[in-house]
C-alpha cells in the first residue's frame, strides 16, 4: 500500500486530501520516509537523459 501511495505522489495522482495524508504519514514514519526518498531517487534516474551515443574512439588491435 505504501509503495502505491508513493507512486501516486510521484505521478501527481493524489487529491489534496490524499497529499495531506501522505505528508502526515511521512512525518510520522521513518521507514515510509526512507521508502519514499528511495523511490524518488529511482524515478529521478529513470527520467534522466539516456546516453544515445558515445564519442568516437581510436581502438587499435594489439601488434598493429
N, C-alpha and C. Protein backbone atom coordinates (compact mmCIF):
# COMPACT_ATOMS: atom_id res chain seq x y z
N UNK A 1 0.82 -1.20 0.00
CA UNK A 1 0.00 0.00 0.00
C UNK A 1 0.86 1.26 0.00
N UNK A 2 1.92 1.26 0.81
CA UNK A 2 2.78 2.44 0.88
C UNK A 2 3.43 2.74 -0.46
N UNK A 3 3.94 1.70 -1.15
CA UNK A 3 4.58 1.92 -2.45
C UNK A 3 3.58 2.51 -3.44
N UNK A 4 2.33 2.06 -3.36
CA UNK A 4 1.30 2.57 -4.27
C UNK A 4 1.04 4.06 -3.98
N UNK A 5 0.97 4.42 -2.71
CA UNK A 5 0.75 5.81 -2.33
C UNK A 5 1.93 6.68 -2.76
N UNK A 6 3.15 6.18 -2.58
CA UNK A 6 4.34 6.92 -3.00
C UNK A 6 4.33 7.10 -4.52
N UNK A 7 4.00 6.04 -5.25
CA UNK A 7 3.94 6.11 -6.70
C UNK A 7 2.92 7.14 -7.16
N UNK A 8 1.77 7.15 -6.52
CA UNK A 8 0.74 8.13 -6.86
C UNK A 8 1.21 9.55 -6.56
N UNK A 9 1.96 9.71 -5.49
CA UNK A 9 2.51 11.02 -5.15
C UNK A 9 3.50 11.47 -6.22
N UNK A 10 4.41 10.58 -6.61
CA UNK A 10 5.41 10.90 -7.63
C UNK A 10 4.74 11.28 -8.94
N UNK A 11 3.68 10.56 -9.29
CA UNK A 11 2.98 10.80 -10.56
C UNK A 11 1.93 11.90 -10.47
N UNK A 12 1.86 12.58 -9.32
CA UNK A 12 0.91 13.67 -9.09
C UNK A 12 -0.53 13.22 -9.31
N UNK A 13 -0.86 12.04 -8.78
CA UNK A 13 -2.20 11.47 -8.94
C UNK A 13 -3.01 11.53 -7.64
N UNK A 14 -2.55 12.29 -6.66
CA UNK A 14 -3.25 12.36 -5.38
C UNK A 14 -4.09 13.62 -5.30
N UNK A 15 -5.23 13.49 -4.65
CA UNK A 15 -6.04 14.67 -4.36
C UNK A 15 -5.33 15.46 -3.25
N UNK A 16 -5.78 16.65 -3.00
CA UNK A 16 -5.18 17.44 -1.93
C UNK A 16 -5.34 16.74 -0.58
N UNK A 17 -6.47 16.10 -0.34
CA UNK A 17 -6.66 15.36 0.91
C UNK A 17 -5.67 14.20 1.02
N UNK A 18 -5.46 13.49 -0.10
CA UNK A 18 -4.50 12.38 -0.11
C UNK A 18 -3.08 12.89 0.12
N UNK A 19 -2.76 14.06 -0.43
CA UNK A 19 -1.43 14.63 -0.22
C UNK A 19 -1.22 15.00 1.25
N UNK A 20 -2.25 15.45 1.92
CA UNK A 20 -2.16 15.74 3.35
C UNK A 20 -1.84 14.46 4.10
N UNK A 21 -2.55 13.38 3.78
CA UNK A 21 -2.29 12.08 4.42
C UNK A 21 -0.86 11.64 4.14
N UNK A 22 -0.40 11.81 2.90
CA UNK A 22 0.96 11.43 2.53
C UNK A 22 1.98 12.17 3.38
N UNK A 23 1.85 13.48 3.47
CA UNK A 23 2.81 14.29 4.23
C UNK A 23 2.76 13.92 5.71
N UNK A 24 1.57 13.74 6.27
CA UNK A 24 1.46 13.35 7.68
C UNK A 24 2.09 11.99 7.91
N UNK A 25 1.92 11.07 6.98
CA UNK A 25 2.49 9.73 7.11
C UNK A 25 4.01 9.79 7.05
N UNK A 26 4.53 10.59 6.13
CA UNK A 26 5.99 10.72 6.00
C UNK A 26 6.60 11.28 7.28
N UNK A 27 5.94 12.24 7.88
CA UNK A 27 6.49 12.85 9.09
C UNK A 27 6.37 11.95 10.31
N UNK A 28 5.48 10.98 10.26
CA UNK A 28 5.28 10.11 11.41
C UNK A 28 5.91 8.74 11.29
N UNK A 29 6.52 8.42 10.14
CA UNK A 29 7.00 7.07 9.93
C UNK A 29 8.34 7.11 9.18
N UNK A 30 9.41 6.87 9.86
CA UNK A 30 10.76 6.95 9.28
C UNK A 30 10.93 5.97 8.12
N UNK A 31 10.42 4.74 8.25
CA UNK A 31 10.54 3.75 7.17
C UNK A 31 9.82 4.21 5.91
N UNK A 32 8.63 4.78 6.09
CA UNK A 32 7.86 5.29 4.96
C UNK A 32 8.63 6.41 4.28
N UNK A 33 9.23 7.29 5.07
CA UNK A 33 10.02 8.40 4.51
C UNK A 33 11.19 7.86 3.70
N UNK A 34 11.91 6.89 4.25
CA UNK A 34 13.05 6.30 3.55
C UNK A 34 12.62 5.62 2.24
N UNK A 35 11.48 4.92 2.27
CA UNK A 35 10.96 4.29 1.06
C UNK A 35 10.62 5.35 0.01
N UNK A 36 9.98 6.43 0.45
CA UNK A 36 9.59 7.50 -0.47
C UNK A 36 10.82 8.14 -1.10
N UNK A 37 11.82 8.44 -0.31
CA UNK A 37 13.04 9.07 -0.83
C UNK A 37 13.75 8.11 -1.79
N UNK A 38 13.80 6.85 -1.45
CA UNK A 38 14.44 5.86 -2.32
C UNK A 38 13.73 5.78 -3.67
N UNK A 39 12.41 5.74 -3.65
CA UNK A 39 11.66 5.66 -4.91
C UNK A 39 11.76 6.96 -5.71
N UNK A 40 11.84 8.10 -5.02
CA UNK A 40 12.03 9.37 -5.72
C UNK A 40 13.39 9.41 -6.41
N UNK A 41 14.41 8.90 -5.75
CA UNK A 41 15.75 8.84 -6.37
C UNK A 41 15.75 7.91 -7.58
N UNK A 42 15.05 6.79 -7.45
CA UNK A 42 14.93 5.85 -8.57
C UNK A 42 14.21 6.52 -9.74
N UNK A 43 13.13 7.22 -9.46
CA UNK A 43 12.38 7.92 -10.51
C UNK A 43 13.24 8.99 -11.17
N UNK A 44 14.06 9.66 -10.39
CA UNK A 44 14.97 10.68 -10.94
C UNK A 44 15.93 10.05 -11.94
N UNK A 45 16.47 8.89 -11.60
CA UNK A 45 17.36 8.18 -12.52
C UNK A 45 16.62 7.75 -13.79
N UNK A 46 15.41 7.26 -13.62
CA UNK A 46 14.63 6.81 -14.78
C UNK A 46 14.31 7.96 -15.73
N UNK A 47 14.13 9.14 -15.18
CA UNK A 47 13.77 10.30 -16.00
C UNK A 47 14.98 11.08 -16.52
N UNK A 48 16.17 10.68 -16.11
CA UNK A 48 17.38 11.38 -16.55
C UNK A 48 17.64 11.08 -18.02
N UNK A 49 18.49 11.88 -18.62
CA UNK A 49 18.80 11.70 -20.04
C UNK A 49 19.48 10.36 -20.28
N UNK A 50 19.11 9.76 -21.36
CA UNK A 50 19.70 8.49 -21.77
C UNK A 50 20.86 8.80 -22.73
N UNK A 51 21.96 8.13 -22.50
CA UNK A 51 23.10 8.31 -23.41
C UNK A 51 22.78 7.56 -24.69
N UNK A 52 22.71 8.31 -25.79
CA UNK A 52 22.36 7.66 -27.05
C UNK A 52 23.52 7.57 -28.03
N UNK A 53 24.68 8.09 -27.63
CA UNK A 53 25.85 7.93 -28.47
C UNK A 53 27.11 8.08 -27.62
N UNK A 54 28.17 7.48 -28.12
CA UNK A 54 29.47 7.57 -27.45
C UNK A 54 30.44 8.30 -28.37
N UNK A 55 31.40 8.99 -27.80
CA UNK A 55 32.38 9.66 -28.66
C UNK A 55 33.18 8.63 -29.44
N UNK A 56 33.68 9.04 -30.59
CA UNK A 56 34.50 8.15 -31.42
C UNK A 56 35.77 7.78 -30.67
N UNK A 57 36.14 6.51 -30.76
CA UNK A 57 37.33 6.01 -30.08
C UNK A 57 38.31 5.48 -31.12
N UNK A 58 39.58 5.67 -30.88
CA UNK A 58 40.62 5.14 -31.76
C UNK A 58 41.16 3.87 -31.10
N UNK A 59 40.55 2.73 -31.43
CA UNK A 59 40.93 1.45 -30.83
C UNK A 59 41.76 0.68 -31.85
N UNK A 60 42.94 0.30 -31.44
CA UNK A 60 43.84 -0.44 -32.33
C UNK A 60 44.01 -1.87 -31.83
N UNK A 61 44.14 -2.75 -32.77
CA UNK A 61 44.36 -4.14 -32.41
C UNK A 61 45.82 -4.29 -31.93
N UNK A 62 46.05 -5.17 -30.94
CA UNK A 62 47.42 -5.38 -30.49
C UNK A 62 48.32 -5.86 -31.62
N UNK A 63 49.53 -5.31 -31.68
CA UNK A 63 50.50 -5.71 -32.69
C UNK A 63 50.35 -5.01 -34.01
N UNK A 64 49.45 -4.07 -34.15
CA UNK A 64 49.27 -3.38 -35.45
C UNK A 64 49.56 -1.92 -35.29
